[in-house]
């Protein structure tokens, strides 16, 4: 049996429910509980939009994780099998002039390694 190859990234139509608590946990390291509660509420109500992978990386100012990262590799395998990914959760922090990746950093790294111009499904506030 031949190995399926990457053709196009498949996306879920909505963020997986378990991604919101993950985002909340991460954001609580940076922001107050009240701010985080407001952000999660707004993220849940935000519509899904698309941005290029390279633009999200530039806006976040984060480093690209390599394929040696187990979470990135897991997401690469999902992509190769044609499994749908959950949209990313992003927060614009104007005070620091960056986009905070509240959830989906490993998915973004995996996708970027296939195509830096790939459109990433996300919710952003």
PDB file of N, CA and C in Angstrom:
ATOM      1  N   UNK A   1       0.849  -1.182   0.000  1.00  0.00           N
ATOM      2  CA  UNK A   1       0.000   0.000   0.000  1.00  0.00           C
ATOM      3  C   UNK A   1       0.888   1.237   0.000  1.00  0.00           C
ATOM      4  N   UNK A   2       0.625   2.158  -0.896  1.00  0.00           N
ATOM      5  CA  UNK A   2       1.443   3.366  -0.964  1.00  0.00           C
ATOM      6  C   UNK A   2       1.050   4.349   0.132  1.00  0.00           C
ATOM      7  N   UNK A   3       2.026   5.108   0.562  1.00  0.00           N
ATOM      8  CA  UNK A   3       1.823   6.091   1.629  1.00  0.00           C
ATOM      9  C   UNK A   3       1.112   7.320   1.067  1.00  0.00           C
ATOM     10  N   UNK A   4       0.025   7.758   1.710  1.00  0.00           N
ATOM     11  CA  UNK A   4      -0.641   8.972   1.234  1.00  0.00           C
ATOM     12  C   UNK A   4       0.309  10.163   1.318  1.00  0.00           C
ATOM     13  N   UNK A   5       0.154  11.091   0.438  1.00  0.00           N
ATOM     14  CA  UNK A   5       1.021  12.268   0.497  1.00  0.00           C
ATOM     15  C   UNK A   5       0.192  13.526   0.702  1.00  0.00           C
ATOM     16  N   UNK A   6       0.856  14.518   1.229  1.00  0.00           N
ATOM     17  CA  UNK A   6       0.216  15.809   1.483  1.00  0.00           C
ATOM     18  C   UNK A   6      -0.317  16.382   0.189  1.00  0.00           C
ATOM     19  N   UNK A   7      -1.549  16.797   0.210  1.00  0.00           N
ATOM     20  CA  UNK A   7      -2.150  17.459  -0.940  1.00  0.00           C
ATOM     21  C   UNK A   7      -2.661  18.828  -0.504  1.00  0.00           C
ATOM     22  N   UNK A   8      -3.533  18.817   0.470  1.00  0.00           N
ATOM     23  CA  UNK A   8      -4.087  20.053   0.995  1.00  0.00           C
ATOM     24  C   UNK A   8      -4.428  19.809   2.468  1.00  0.00           C
ATOM     25  N   UNK A   9      -4.224  20.823   3.269  1.00  0.00           N
ATOM     26  CA  UNK A   9      -4.539  20.713   4.689  1.00  0.00           C
ATOM     27  C   UNK A   9      -6.053  20.654   4.857  1.00  0.00           C
ATOM     28  N   UNK A  10      -6.504  19.698   5.632  1.00  0.00           N
ATOM     29  CA  UNK A  10      -7.926  19.559   5.941  1.00  0.00           C
ATOM     30  C   UNK A  10      -8.185  20.224   7.295  1.00  0.00           C
ATOM     31  N   UNK A  11      -9.290  20.944   7.399  1.00  0.00           N
ATOM     32  CA  UNK A  11      -9.618  21.671   8.623  1.00  0.00           C
ATOM     33  C   UNK A  11     -10.983  21.255   9.145  1.00  0.00           C
ATOM     34  N   UNK A  12     -11.100  21.211  10.458  1.00  0.00           N
ATOM     35  CA  UNK A  12     -12.403  21.041  11.083  1.00  0.00           C
ATOM     36  C   UNK A  12     -13.188  22.331  10.895  1.00  0.00           C
ATOM     37  N   UNK A  13     -14.500  22.244  10.885  1.00  0.00           N
ATOM     38  CA  UNK A  13     -15.317  23.437  10.695  1.00  0.00           C
ATOM     39  C   UNK A  13     -15.401  24.285  11.966  1.00  0.00           C
ATOM     40  N   UNK A  14     -14.995  23.708  13.103  1.00  0.00           N
ATOM     41  CA  UNK A  14     -15.016  24.427  14.376  1.00  0.00           C
ATOM     42  C   UNK A  14     -13.823  23.973  15.215  1.00  0.00           C
ATOM     43  N   UNK A  15     -13.407  24.814  16.127  1.00  0.00           N
ATOM     44  CA  UNK A  15     -12.316  24.499  17.042  1.00  0.00           C
ATOM     45  C   UNK A  15     -12.751  23.346  17.943  1.00  0.00           C
ATOM     46  N   UNK A  16     -11.848  22.389  18.177  1.00  0.00           N
ATOM     47  CA  UNK A  16     -12.159  21.296  19.092  1.00  0.00           C
ATOM     48  C   UNK A  16     -12.333  21.859  20.499  1.00  0.00           C
ATOM     49  N   UNK A  17     -13.328  21.345  21.203  1.00  0.00           N
ATOM     50  CA  UNK A  17     -13.692  21.898  22.514  1.00  0.00           C
ATOM     51  C   UNK A  17     -12.528  21.865  23.508  1.00  0.00           C
ATOM     52  N   UNK A  18     -11.686  20.840  23.442  1.00  0.00           N
ATOM     53  CA  UNK A  18     -10.570  20.742  24.393  1.00  0.00           C
ATOM     54  C   UNK A  18      -9.477  21.785  24.141  1.00  0.00           C
ATOM     55  N   UNK A  19      -9.530  22.470  23.009  1.00  0.00           N
ATOM     56  CA  UNK A  19      -8.525  23.508  22.715  1.00  0.00           C
ATOM     57  C   UNK A  19      -8.751  24.769  23.551  1.00  0.00           C
ATOM     58  N   UNK A  20      -9.988  25.024  23.949  1.00  0.00           N
ATOM     59  CA  UNK A  20     -10.252  26.222  24.744  1.00  0.00           C
ATOM     60  C   UNK A  20      -9.622  26.146  26.139  1.00  0.00           C
ATOM     61  N   UNK A  21      -9.757  25.035  26.868  1.00  0.00           N
ATOM     62  CA  UNK A  21      -9.057  24.948  28.158  1.00  0.00           C
ATOM     63  C   UNK A  21      -7.536  25.006  27.999  1.00  0.00           C
ATOM     64  N   UNK A  22      -7.011  24.440  26.910  1.00  0.00           N
ATOM     65  CA  UNK A  22      -5.571  24.514  26.660  1.00  0.00           C
ATOM     66  C   UNK A  22      -5.150  25.969  26.450  1.00  0.00           C
ATOM     67  N   UNK A  23      -5.937  26.710  25.676  1.00  0.00           N
ATOM     68  CA  UNK A  23      -5.651  28.132  25.456  1.00  0.00           C
ATOM     69  C   UNK A  23      -5.758  28.903  26.757  1.00  0.00           C
ATOM     70  N   UNK A  24      -6.774  28.591  27.545  1.00  0.00           N
ATOM     71  CA  UNK A  24      -6.968  29.266  28.824  1.00  0.00           C
ATOM     72  C   UNK A  24      -5.776  29.044  29.750  1.00  0.00           C
ATOM     73  N   UNK A  25      -5.291  27.824  29.793  1.00  0.00           N
ATOM     74  CA  UNK A  25      -4.138  27.504  30.638  1.00  0.00           C
ATOM     75  C   UNK A  25      -2.915  28.311  30.214  1.00  0.00           C
ATOM     76  N   UNK A  26      -2.656  28.352  28.915  1.00  0.00           N
ATOM     77  CA  UNK A  26      -1.507  29.100  28.414  1.00  0.00           C
ATOM     78  C   UNK A  26      -1.666  30.601  28.671  1.00  0.00           C
ATOM     79  N   UNK A  27      -2.814  31.138  28.322  1.00  0.00           N
ATOM     80  CA  UNK A  27      -3.038  32.573  28.480  1.00  0.00           C
ATOM     81  C   UNK A  27      -2.965  33.008  29.945  1.00  0.00           C
ATOM     82  N   UNK A  28      -3.337  32.111  30.872  1.00  0.00           N
ATOM     83  CA  UNK A  28      -3.306  32.462  32.295  1.00  0.00           C
ATOM     84  C   UNK A  28      -1.892  32.664  32.815  1.00  0.00           C
ATOM     85  N   UNK A  29      -0.905  32.224  32.057  1.00  0.00           N
ATOM     86  CA  UNK A  29       0.491  32.489  32.410  1.00  0.00           C
ATOM     87  C   UNK A  29       0.889  33.930  32.096  1.00  0.00           C
ATOM     88  N   UNK A  30       0.149  34.563  31.218  1.00  0.00           N
ATOM     89  CA  UNK A  30       0.510  35.893  30.718  1.00  0.00           C
ATOM     90  C   UNK A  30      -0.436  36.984  31.218  1.00  0.00           C
ATOM     91  N   UNK A  31      -1.721  36.652  31.316  1.00  0.00           N
ATOM     92  CA  UNK A  31      -2.744  37.646  31.613  1.00  0.00           C
ATOM     93  C   UNK A  31      -3.486  37.310  32.902  1.00  0.00           C
ATOM     94  N   UNK A  32      -4.224  38.276  33.422  1.00  0.00           N
ATOM     95  CA  UNK A  32      -5.021  38.063  34.632  1.00  0.00           C
ATOM     96  C   UNK A  32      -6.191  37.129  34.328  1.00  0.00           C
ATOM     97  N   UNK A  33      -6.752  36.544  35.379  1.00  0.00           N
ATOM     98  CA  UNK A  33      -7.888  35.628  35.214  1.00  0.00           C
ATOM     99  C   UNK A  33      -9.073  36.306  34.537  1.00  0.00           C
ATOM    100  N   UNK A  34      -9.341  37.558  34.891  1.00  0.00           N
ATOM    101  CA  UNK A  34     -10.455  38.288  34.275  1.00  0.00           C
ATOM    102  C   UNK A  34     -10.215  38.504  32.784  1.00  0.00           C
ATOM    103  N   UNK A  35      -8.983  38.862  32.435  1.00  0.00           N
ATOM    104  CA  UNK A  35      -8.650  39.060  31.020  1.00  0.00           C
ATOM    105  C   UNK A  35      -8.791  37.751  30.249  1.00  0.00           C
ATOM    106  N   UNK A  36      -8.309  36.673  30.838  1.00  0.00           N
ATOM    107  CA  UNK A  36      -8.365  35.369  30.173  1.00  0.00           C
ATOM    108  C   UNK A  36      -9.811  34.925  29.971  1.00  0.00           C
ATOM    109  N   UNK A  37     -10.632  35.081  30.988  1.00  0.00           N
ATOM    110  CA  UNK A  37     -12.047  34.706  30.858  1.00  0.00           C
ATOM    111  C   UNK A  37     -12.707  35.471  29.711  1.00  0.00           C
ATOM    112  N   UNK A  38     -12.397  36.760  29.604  1.00  0.00           N
ATOM    113  CA  UNK A  38     -12.940  37.573  28.517  1.00  0.00           C
ATOM    114  C   UNK A  38     -12.406  37.099  27.159  1.00  0.00           C
ATOM    115  N   UNK A  39     -11.122  36.795  27.089  1.00  0.00           N
ATOM    116  CA  UNK A  39     -10.520  36.334  25.830  1.00  0.00           C
ATOM    117  C   UNK A  39     -11.146  35.020  25.365  1.00  0.00           C
ATOM    118  N   UNK A  40     -11.310  34.078  26.284  1.00  0.00           N
ATOM    119  CA  UNK A  40     -11.885  32.779  25.908  1.00  0.00           C
ATOM    120  C   UNK A  40     -13.322  32.961  25.428  1.00  0.00           C
ATOM    121  N   UNK A  41     -14.080  33.783  26.114  1.00  0.00           N
ATOM    122  CA  UNK A  41     -15.455  34.072  25.686  1.00  0.00           C
ATOM    123  C   UNK A  41     -15.456  34.646  24.263  1.00  0.00           C
ATOM    124  N   UNK A  42     -14.584  35.605  24.018  1.00  0.00           N
ATOM    125  CA  UNK A  42     -14.523  36.233  22.688  1.00  0.00           C
ATOM    126  C   UNK A  42     -14.030  35.247  21.633  1.00  0.00           C
ATOM    127  N   UNK A  43     -13.062  34.398  21.979  1.00  0.00           N
ATOM    128  CA  UNK A  43     -12.580  33.397  21.020  1.00  0.00           C
ATOM    129  C   UNK A  43     -13.695  32.422  20.638  1.00  0.00           C
ATOM    130  N   UNK A  44     -14.461  31.995  21.621  1.00  0.00           N
ATOM    131  CA  UNK A  44     -15.557  31.063  21.336  1.00  0.00           C
ATOM    132  C   UNK A  44     -16.572  31.671  20.378  1.00  0.00           C
ATOM    133  N   UNK A  45     -16.744  32.980  20.437  1.00  0.00           N
ATOM    134  CA  UNK A  45     -17.726  33.664  19.588  1.00  0.00           C
ATOM    135  C   UNK A  45     -17.140  34.211  18.287  1.00  0.00           C
ATOM    136  N   UNK A  46     -15.840  34.140  18.140  1.00  0.00           N
ATOM    137  CA  UNK A  46     -15.185  34.669  16.931  1.00  0.00           C
ATOM    138  C   UNK A  46     -15.450  33.746  15.739  1.00  0.00           C
ATOM    139  N   UNK A  47     -15.431  34.336  14.573  1.00  0.00           N
ATOM    140  CA  UNK A  47     -15.588  33.527  13.362  1.00  0.00           C
ATOM    141  C   UNK A  47     -14.219  33.029  12.900  1.00  0.00           C
ATOM    142  N   UNK A  48     -14.227  31.977  12.128  1.00  0.00           N
ATOM    143  CA  UNK A  48     -12.981  31.423  11.606  1.00  0.00           C
ATOM    144  C   UNK A  48     -12.542  32.237  10.396  1.00  0.00           C
ATOM    145  N   UNK A  49     -11.274  32.618  10.413  1.00  0.00           N
ATOM    146  CA  UNK A  49     -10.658  33.373   9.320  1.00  0.00           C
ATOM    147  C   UNK A  49      -9.391  32.633   8.889  1.00  0.00           C
ATOM    148  N   UNK A  50      -8.727  33.158   7.862  1.00  0.00           N
ATOM    149  CA  UNK A  50      -7.527  32.499   7.348  1.00  0.00           C
ATOM    150  C   UNK A  50      -6.391  33.503   7.205  1.00  0.00           C
ATOM    151  N   UNK A  51      -5.187  33.055   7.591  1.00  0.00           N
ATOM    152  CA  UNK A  51      -3.953  33.814   7.393  1.00  0.00           C
ATOM    153  C   UNK A  51      -2.876  32.855   6.937  1.00  0.00           C
ATOM    154  N   UNK A  52      -1.924  33.342   6.180  1.00  0.00           N
ATOM    155  CA  UNK A  52      -0.813  32.507   5.751  1.00  0.00           C
ATOM    156  C   UNK A  52       0.058  32.130   6.949  1.00  0.00           C
ATOM    157  N   UNK A  53       0.589  30.911   6.902  1.00  0.00           N
ATOM    158  CA  UNK A  53       1.440  30.406   7.985  1.00  0.00           C
ATOM    159  C   UNK A  53       2.600  31.356   8.257  1.00  0.00           C
ATOM    160  N   UNK A  54       3.254  31.827   7.206  1.00  0.00           N
ATOM    161  CA  UNK A  54       4.426  32.689   7.396  1.00  0.00           C
ATOM    162  C   UNK A  54       4.047  34.013   8.064  1.00  0.00           C
ATOM    163  N   UNK A  55       2.851  34.506   7.804  1.00  0.00           N
ATOM    164  CA  UNK A  55       2.424  35.766   8.418  1.00  0.00           C
ATOM    165  C   UNK A  55       2.123  35.591   9.906  1.00  0.00           C
ATOM    166  N   UNK A  56       1.540  34.450  10.269  1.00  0.00           N
ATOM    167  CA  UNK A  56       1.296  34.190  11.688  1.00  0.00           C
ATOM    168  C   UNK A  56       2.621  34.074  12.429  1.00  0.00           C
ATOM    169  N   UNK A  57       3.599  33.394  11.829  1.00  0.00           N
ATOM    170  CA  UNK A  57       4.915  33.301  12.471  1.00  0.00           C
ATOM    171  C   UNK A  57       5.550  34.670  12.636  1.00  0.00           C
ATOM    172  N   UNK A  58       5.477  35.487  11.614  1.00  0.00           N
ATOM    173  CA  UNK A  58       6.066  36.824  11.710  1.00  0.00           C
ATOM    174  C   UNK A  58       5.384  37.641  12.795  1.00  0.00           C
ATOM    175  N   UNK A  59       4.064  37.570  12.862  1.00  0.00           N
ATOM    176  CA  UNK A  59       3.314  38.353  13.847  1.00  0.00           C
ATOM    177  C   UNK A  59       3.528  37.850  15.274  1.00  0.00           C
ATOM    178  N   UNK A  60       3.760  36.550  15.416  1.00  0.00           N
ATOM    179  CA  UNK A  60       3.969  35.991  16.757  1.00  0.00           C
ATOM    180  C   UNK A  60       5.413  36.143  17.227  1.00  0.00           C
ATOM    181  N   UNK A  61       6.335  36.269  16.280  1.00  0.00           N
ATOM    182  CA  UNK A  61       7.770  36.367  16.565  1.00  0.00           C
ATOM    183  C   UNK A  61       8.300  35.134  17.295  1.00  0.00           C
ATOM    184  N   UNK A  62       7.664  33.977  17.071  1.00  0.00           N
ATOM    185  CA  UNK A  62       8.115  32.720  17.658  1.00  0.00           C
ATOM    186  C   UNK A  62       9.050  31.993  16.703  1.00  0.00           C
ATOM    187  N   UNK A  63       9.820  31.070  17.241  1.00  0.00           N
ATOM    188  CA  UNK A  63      10.701  30.235  16.439  1.00  0.00           C
ATOM    189  C   UNK A  63       9.931  29.024  15.925  1.00  0.00           C
ATOM    190  N   UNK A  64      10.372  28.522  14.792  1.00  0.00           N
ATOM    191  CA  UNK A  64       9.782  27.324  14.208  1.00  0.00           C
ATOM    192  C   UNK A  64      10.344  26.098  14.923  1.00  0.00           C
ATOM    193  N   UNK A  65       9.446  25.255  15.431  1.00  0.00           N
ATOM    194  CA  UNK A  65       9.876  23.998  16.031  1.00  0.00           C
ATOM    195  C   UNK A  65      10.129  22.994  14.924  1.00  0.00           C
ATOM    196  N   UNK A  66      11.133  22.161  15.092  1.00  0.00           N
ATOM    197  CA  UNK A  66      11.489  21.177  14.078  1.00  0.00           C
ATOM    198  C   UNK A  66      10.695  19.896  14.179  1.00  0.00           C
ATOM    199  N   UNK A  67      10.927  19.018  13.205  1.00  0.00           N
ATOM    200  CA  UNK A  67      10.218  17.743  13.165  1.00  0.00           C
ATOM    201  C   UNK A  67      10.637  16.836  14.305  1.00  0.00           C
ATOM    202  N   UNK A  68      11.723  17.156  14.991  1.00  0.00           N
ATOM    203  CA  UNK A  68      12.139  16.335  16.132  1.00  0.00           C
ATOM    204  C   UNK A  68      11.201  16.527  17.323  1.00  0.00           C
ATOM    205  N   UNK A  69      10.372  17.559  17.299  1.00  0.00           N
ATOM    206  CA  UNK A  69       9.397  17.773  18.365  1.00  0.00           C
ATOM    207  C   UNK A  69       8.260  16.768  18.186  1.00  0.00           C
ATOM    208  N   UNK A  70       7.964  16.013  19.233  1.00  0.00           N
ATOM    209  CA  UNK A  70       6.972  14.937  19.121  1.00  0.00           C
ATOM    210  C   UNK A  70       5.580  15.451  18.761  1.00  0.00           C
ATOM    211  N   UNK A  71       5.197  16.618  19.261  1.00  0.00           N
ATOM    212  CA  UNK A  71       3.870  17.163  18.943  1.00  0.00           C
ATOM    213  C   UNK A  71       3.793  17.616  17.491  1.00  0.00           C
ATOM    214  N   UNK A  72       4.876  18.202  17.002  1.00  0.00           N
ATOM    215  CA  UNK A  72       4.918  18.616  15.591  1.00  0.00           C
ATOM    216  C   UNK A  72       4.849  17.374  14.703  1.00  0.00           C
ATOM    217  N   UNK A  73       5.600  16.349  15.054  1.00  0.00           N
ATOM    218  CA  UNK A  73       5.597  15.116  14.263  1.00  0.00           C
ATOM    219  C   UNK A  73       4.211  14.471  14.252  1.00  0.00           C
ATOM    220  N   UNK A  74       3.529  14.482  15.383  1.00  0.00           N
ATOM    221  CA  UNK A  74       2.170  13.926  15.453  1.00  0.00           C
ATOM    222  C   UNK A  74       1.241  14.672  14.490  1.00  0.00           C
ATOM    223  N   UNK A  75       1.371  16.003  14.458  1.00  0.00           N
ATOM    224  CA  UNK A  75       0.525  16.791  13.552  1.00  0.00           C
ATOM    225  C   UNK A  75       0.932  16.586  12.096  1.00  0.00           C
ATOM    226  N   UNK A  76       2.211  16.397  11.827  1.00  0.00           N
ATOM    227  CA  UNK A  76       2.658  16.108  10.449  1.00  0.00           C
ATOM    228  C   UNK A  76       2.029  14.795   9.965  1.00  0.00           C
ATOM    229  N   UNK A  77       1.987  13.810  10.842  1.00  0.00           N
ATOM    230  CA  UNK A  77       1.389  12.523  10.477  1.00  0.00           C
ATOM    231  C   UNK A  77      -0.102  12.677  10.190  1.00  0.00           C
ATOM    232  N   UNK A  78      -0.785  13.491  10.993  1.00  0.00           N
ATOM    233  CA  UNK A  78      -2.201  13.758  10.742  1.00  0.00           C
ATOM    234  C   UNK A  78      -2.387  14.363   9.353  1.00  0.00           C
ATOM    235  N   UNK A  79      -1.542  15.325   9.017  1.00  0.00           N
ATOM    236  CA  UNK A  79      -1.624  15.989   7.719  1.00  0.00           C
ATOM    237  C   UNK A  79      -1.410  14.972   6.600  1.00  0.00           C
ATOM    238  N   UNK A  80      -0.397  14.131   6.753  1.00  0.00           N
ATOM    239  CA  UNK A  80      -0.088  13.133   5.720  1.00  0.00           C
ATOM    240  C   UNK A  80      -1.230  12.131   5.536  1.00  0.00           C
ATOM    241  N   UNK A  81      -1.964  11.867   6.597  1.00  0.00           N
ATOM    242  CA  UNK A  81      -3.091  10.930   6.522  1.00  0.00           C
ATOM    243  C   UNK A  81      -4.379  11.614   6.070  1.00  0.00           C
ATOM    244  N   UNK A  82      -4.325  12.930   5.874  1.00  0.00           N
ATOM    245  CA  UNK A  82      -5.503  13.661   5.426  1.00  0.00           C
ATOM    246  C   UNK A  82      -6.512  13.926   6.530  1.00  0.00           C
ATOM    247  N   UNK A  83      -6.076  13.836   7.791  1.00  0.00           N
ATOM    248  CA  UNK A  83      -6.983  14.099   8.917  1.00  0.00           C
ATOM    249  C   UNK A  83      -7.155  15.601   9.107  1.00  0.00           C
ATOM    250  N   UNK A  84      -8.329  15.994   9.513  1.00  0.00           N
ATOM    251  CA  UNK A  84      -8.639  17.416   9.698  1.00  0.00           C
ATOM    252  C   UNK A  84      -8.039  17.948  10.989  1.00  0.00           C
ATOM    253  N   UNK A  85      -7.533  19.172  10.908  1.00  0.00           N
ATOM    254  CA  UNK A  85      -6.927  19.842  12.054  1.00  0.00           C
ATOM    255  C   UNK A  85      -7.880  20.872  12.636  1.00  0.00           C
ATOM    256  N   UNK A  86      -7.710  21.123  13.913  1.00  0.00           N
ATOM    257  CA  UNK A  86      -8.494  22.137  14.600  1.00  0.00           C
ATOM    258  C   UNK A  86      -7.905  23.520  14.300  1.00  0.00           C
ATOM    259  N   UNK A  87      -8.740  24.517  14.032  1.00  0.00           N
ATOM    260  CA  UNK A  87      -8.230  25.874  13.801  1.00  0.00           C
ATOM    261  C   UNK A  87      -7.443  26.397  15.005  1.00  0.00           C
ATOM    262  N   UNK A  88      -6.497  27.290  14.747  1.00  0.00           N
ATOM    263  CA  UNK A  88      -5.690  27.891  15.801  1.00  0.00           C
ATOM    264  C   UNK A  88      -6.493  28.949  16.548  1.00  0.00           C
ATOM    265  N   UNK A  89      -6.072  29.229  17.781  1.00  0.00           N
ATOM    266  CA  UNK A  89      -6.657  30.295  18.583  1.00  0.00           C
ATOM    267  C   UNK A  89      -5.592  31.353  18.801  1.00  0.00           C
ATOM    268  N   UNK A  90      -5.859  32.570  18.321  1.00  0.00           N
ATOM    269  CA  UNK A  90      -4.879  33.656  18.339  1.00  0.00           C
ATOM    270  C   UNK A  90      -5.430  34.879  19.058  1.00  0.00           C
ATOM    271  N   UNK A  91      -4.509  35.588  19.734  1.00  0.00           N
ATOM    272  CA  UNK A  91      -4.876  36.806  20.449  1.00  0.00           C
ATOM    273  C   UNK A  91      -3.932  37.924  20.021  1.00  0.00           C
ATOM    274  N   UNK A  92      -4.489  39.024  19.560  1.00  0.00           N
ATOM    275  CA  UNK A  92      -3.672  40.205  19.237  1.00  0.00           C
ATOM    276  C   UNK A  92      -3.350  40.937  20.541  1.00  0.00           C
ATOM    277  N   UNK A  93      -2.073  41.097  20.842  1.00  0.00           N
ATOM    278  CA  UNK A  93      -1.676  41.857  22.024  1.00  0.00           C
ATOM    279  C   UNK A  93      -1.021  43.139  21.532  1.00  0.00           C
ATOM    280  N   UNK A  94      -1.803  44.194  21.456  1.00  0.00           N
ATOM    281  CA  UNK A  94      -1.303  45.457  20.922  1.00  0.00           C
ATOM    282  C   UNK A  94      -0.255  46.086  21.822  1.00  0.00           C
ATOM    283  N   UNK A  95      -0.298  45.785  23.124  1.00  0.00           N
ATOM    284  CA  UNK A  95       0.683  46.359  24.054  1.00  0.00           C
ATOM    285  C   UNK A  95       2.101  45.901  23.725  1.00  0.00           C
ATOM    286  N   UNK A  96       2.238  44.662  23.262  1.00  0.00           N
ATOM    287  CA  UNK A  96       3.571  44.145  22.910  1.00  0.00           C
ATOM    288  C   UNK A  96       3.773  44.041  21.408  1.00  0.00           C
ATOM    289  N   UNK A  97       2.727  44.347  20.645  1.00  0.00           N
ATOM    290  CA  UNK A  97       2.830  44.332  19.189  1.00  0.00           C
ATOM    291  C   UNK A  97       3.044  42.948  18.604  1.00  0.00           C
ATOM    292  N   UNK A  98       2.415  41.943  19.213  1.00  0.00           N
ATOM    293  CA  UNK A  98       2.559  40.563  18.741  1.00  0.00           C
ATOM    294  C   UNK A  98       1.211  39.859  18.738  1.00  0.00           C
ATOM    295  N   UNK A  99       1.166  38.773  18.009  1.00  0.00           N
ATOM    296  CA  UNK A  99       0.040  37.853  18.084  1.00  0.00           C
ATOM    297  C   UNK A  99       0.465  36.715  18.992  1.00  0.00           C
ATOM    298  N   UNK A 100      -0.350  36.446  19.988  1.00  0.00           N
ATOM    299  CA  UNK A 100      -0.095  35.346  20.912  1.00  0.00           C
ATOM    300  C   UNK A 100      -0.829  34.121  20.388  1.00  0.00           C
ATOM    301  N   UNK A 101      -0.095  33.022  20.202  1.00  0.00           N
ATOM    302  CA  UNK A 101      -0.722  31.772  19.778  1.00  0.00           C
ATOM    303  C   UNK A 101      -1.198  31.071  21.043  1.00  0.00           C
ATOM    304  N   UNK A 102      -2.487  31.224  21.340  1.00  0.00           N
ATOM    305  CA  UNK A 102      -3.052  30.650  22.559  1.00  0.00           C
ATOM    306  C   UNK A 102      -3.174  29.137  22.447  1.00  0.00           C
ATOM    307  N   UNK A 103      -3.443  28.628  21.261  1.00  0.00           N
ATOM    308  CA  UNK A 103      -3.478  27.193  21.009  1.00  0.00           C
ATOM    309  C   UNK A 103      -3.219  26.946  19.534  1.00  0.00           C
ATOM    310  N   UNK A 104      -2.384  25.943  19.249  1.00  0.00           N
ATOM    311  CA  UNK A 104      -2.144  25.553  17.868  1.00  0.00           C
ATOM    312  C   UNK A 104      -0.717  25.749  17.381  1.00  0.00           C
ATOM    313  N   UNK A 105       0.193  26.081  18.276  1.00  0.00           N
ATOM    314  CA  UNK A 105       1.591  26.337  17.887  1.00  0.00           C
ATOM    315  C   UNK A 105       2.200  25.124  17.175  1.00  0.00           C
ATOM    316  N   UNK A 106       1.989  23.923  17.686  1.00  0.00           N
ATOM    317  CA  UNK A 106       2.560  22.731  17.064  1.00  0.00           C
ATOM    318  C   UNK A 106       1.936  22.458  15.697  1.00  0.00           C
ATOM    319  N   UNK A 107       0.625  22.715  15.573  1.00  0.00           N
ATOM    320  CA  UNK A 107      -0.030  22.542  14.272  1.00  0.00           C
ATOM    321  C   UNK A 107       0.552  23.520  13.261  1.00  0.00           C
ATOM    322  N   UNK A 108       0.756  24.764  13.697  1.00  0.00           N
ATOM    323  CA  UNK A 108       1.325  25.778  12.813  1.00  0.00           C
ATOM    324  C   UNK A 108       2.716  25.365  12.345  1.00  0.00           C
ATOM    325  N   UNK A 109       3.544  24.873  13.259  1.00  0.00           N
ATOM    326  CA  UNK A 109       4.905  24.446  12.896  1.00  0.00           C
ATOM    327  C   UNK A 109       4.874  23.295  11.894  1.00  0.00           C
ATOM    328  N   UNK A 110       3.970  22.341  12.112  1.00  0.00           N
ATOM    329  CA  UNK A 110       3.859  21.205  11.197  1.00  0.00           C
ATOM    330  C   UNK A 110       3.442  21.662   9.804  1.00  0.00           C
ATOM    331  N   UNK A 111       2.466  22.540   9.734  1.00  0.00           N
ATOM    332  CA  UNK A 111       1.969  23.025   8.447  1.00  0.00           C
ATOM    333  C   UNK A 111       3.044  23.834   7.720  1.00  0.00           C
ATOM    334  N   UNK A 112       3.734  24.686   8.456  1.00  0.00           N
ATOM    335  CA  UNK A 112       4.765  25.543   7.869  1.00  0.00           C
ATOM    336  C   UNK A 112       5.818  24.709   7.147  1.00  0.00           C
ATOM    337  N   UNK A 113       6.132  23.534   7.689  1.00  0.00           N
ATOM    338  CA  UNK A 113       7.148  22.684   7.080  1.00  0.00           C
ATOM    339  C   UNK A 113       6.689  22.096   5.749  1.00  0.00           C
ATOM    340  N   UNK A 114       5.397  22.063   5.513  1.00  0.00           N
ATOM    341  CA  UNK A 114       4.875  21.631   4.216  1.00  0.00           C
ATOM    342  C   UNK A 114       4.824  22.798   3.239  1.00  0.00           C
ATOM    343  N   UNK A 115       4.345  23.948   3.733  1.00  0.00           N
ATOM    344  CA  UNK A 115       4.153  25.084   2.839  1.00  0.00           C
ATOM    345  C   UNK A 115       3.966  26.356   3.667  1.00  0.00           C
ATOM    346  N   UNK A 116       4.940  27.248   3.632  1.00  0.00           N
ATOM    347  CA  UNK A 116       4.861  28.479   4.432  1.00  0.00           C
ATOM    348  C   UNK A 116       3.743  29.409   3.968  1.00  0.00           C
ATOM    349  N   UNK A 117       3.256  29.219   2.748  1.00  0.00           N
ATOM    350  CA  UNK A 117       2.168  30.042   2.217  1.00  0.00           C
ATOM    351  C   UNK A 117       0.788  29.432   2.459  1.00  0.00           C
ATOM    352  N   UNK A 118       0.749  28.281   3.118  1.00  0.00           N
ATOM    353  CA  UNK A 118      -0.520  27.608   3.391  1.00  0.00           C
ATOM    354  C   UNK A 118      -1.441  28.519   4.207  1.00  0.00           C
ATOM    355  N   UNK A 119      -2.711  28.533   3.860  1.00  0.00           N
ATOM    356  CA  UNK A 119      -3.689  29.297   4.629  1.00  0.00           C
ATOM    357  C   UNK A 119      -4.066  28.514   5.881  1.00  0.00           C
ATOM    358  N   UNK A 120      -3.943  29.171   7.010  1.00  0.00           N
ATOM    359  CA  UNK A 120      -4.218  28.577   8.313  1.00  0.00           C
ATOM    360  C   UNK A 120      -5.590  29.046   8.782  1.00  0.00           C
ATOM    361  N   UNK A 121      -6.432  28.113   9.141  1.00  0.00           N
ATOM    362  CA  UNK A 121      -7.730  28.450   9.700  1.00  0.00           C
ATOM    363  C   UNK A 121      -7.528  28.806  11.176  1.00  0.00           C
ATOM    364  N   UNK A 122      -8.136  29.875  11.596  1.00  0.00           N
ATOM    365  CA  UNK A 122      -7.941  30.320  12.981  1.00  0.00           C
ATOM    366  C   UNK A 122      -9.083  31.235  13.412  1.00  0.00           C
ATOM    367  N   UNK A 123      -9.133  31.397  14.731  1.00  0.00           N
ATOM    368  CA  UNK A 123      -9.972  32.425  15.339  1.00  0.00           C
ATOM    369  C   UNK A 123      -9.015  33.422  15.959  1.00  0.00           C
ATOM    370  N   UNK A 124      -9.257  34.703  15.754  1.00  0.00           N
ATOM    371  CA  UNK A 124      -8.369  35.731  16.279  1.00  0.00           C
ATOM    372  C   UNK A 124      -9.192  36.852  16.906  1.00  0.00           C
ATOM    373  N   UNK A 125      -8.720  37.294  18.034  1.00  0.00           N
ATOM    374  CA  UNK A 125      -9.375  38.420  18.707  1.00  0.00           C
ATOM    375  C   UNK A 125      -8.339  39.496  18.985  1.00  0.00           C
TER     376      UNK A 125
END
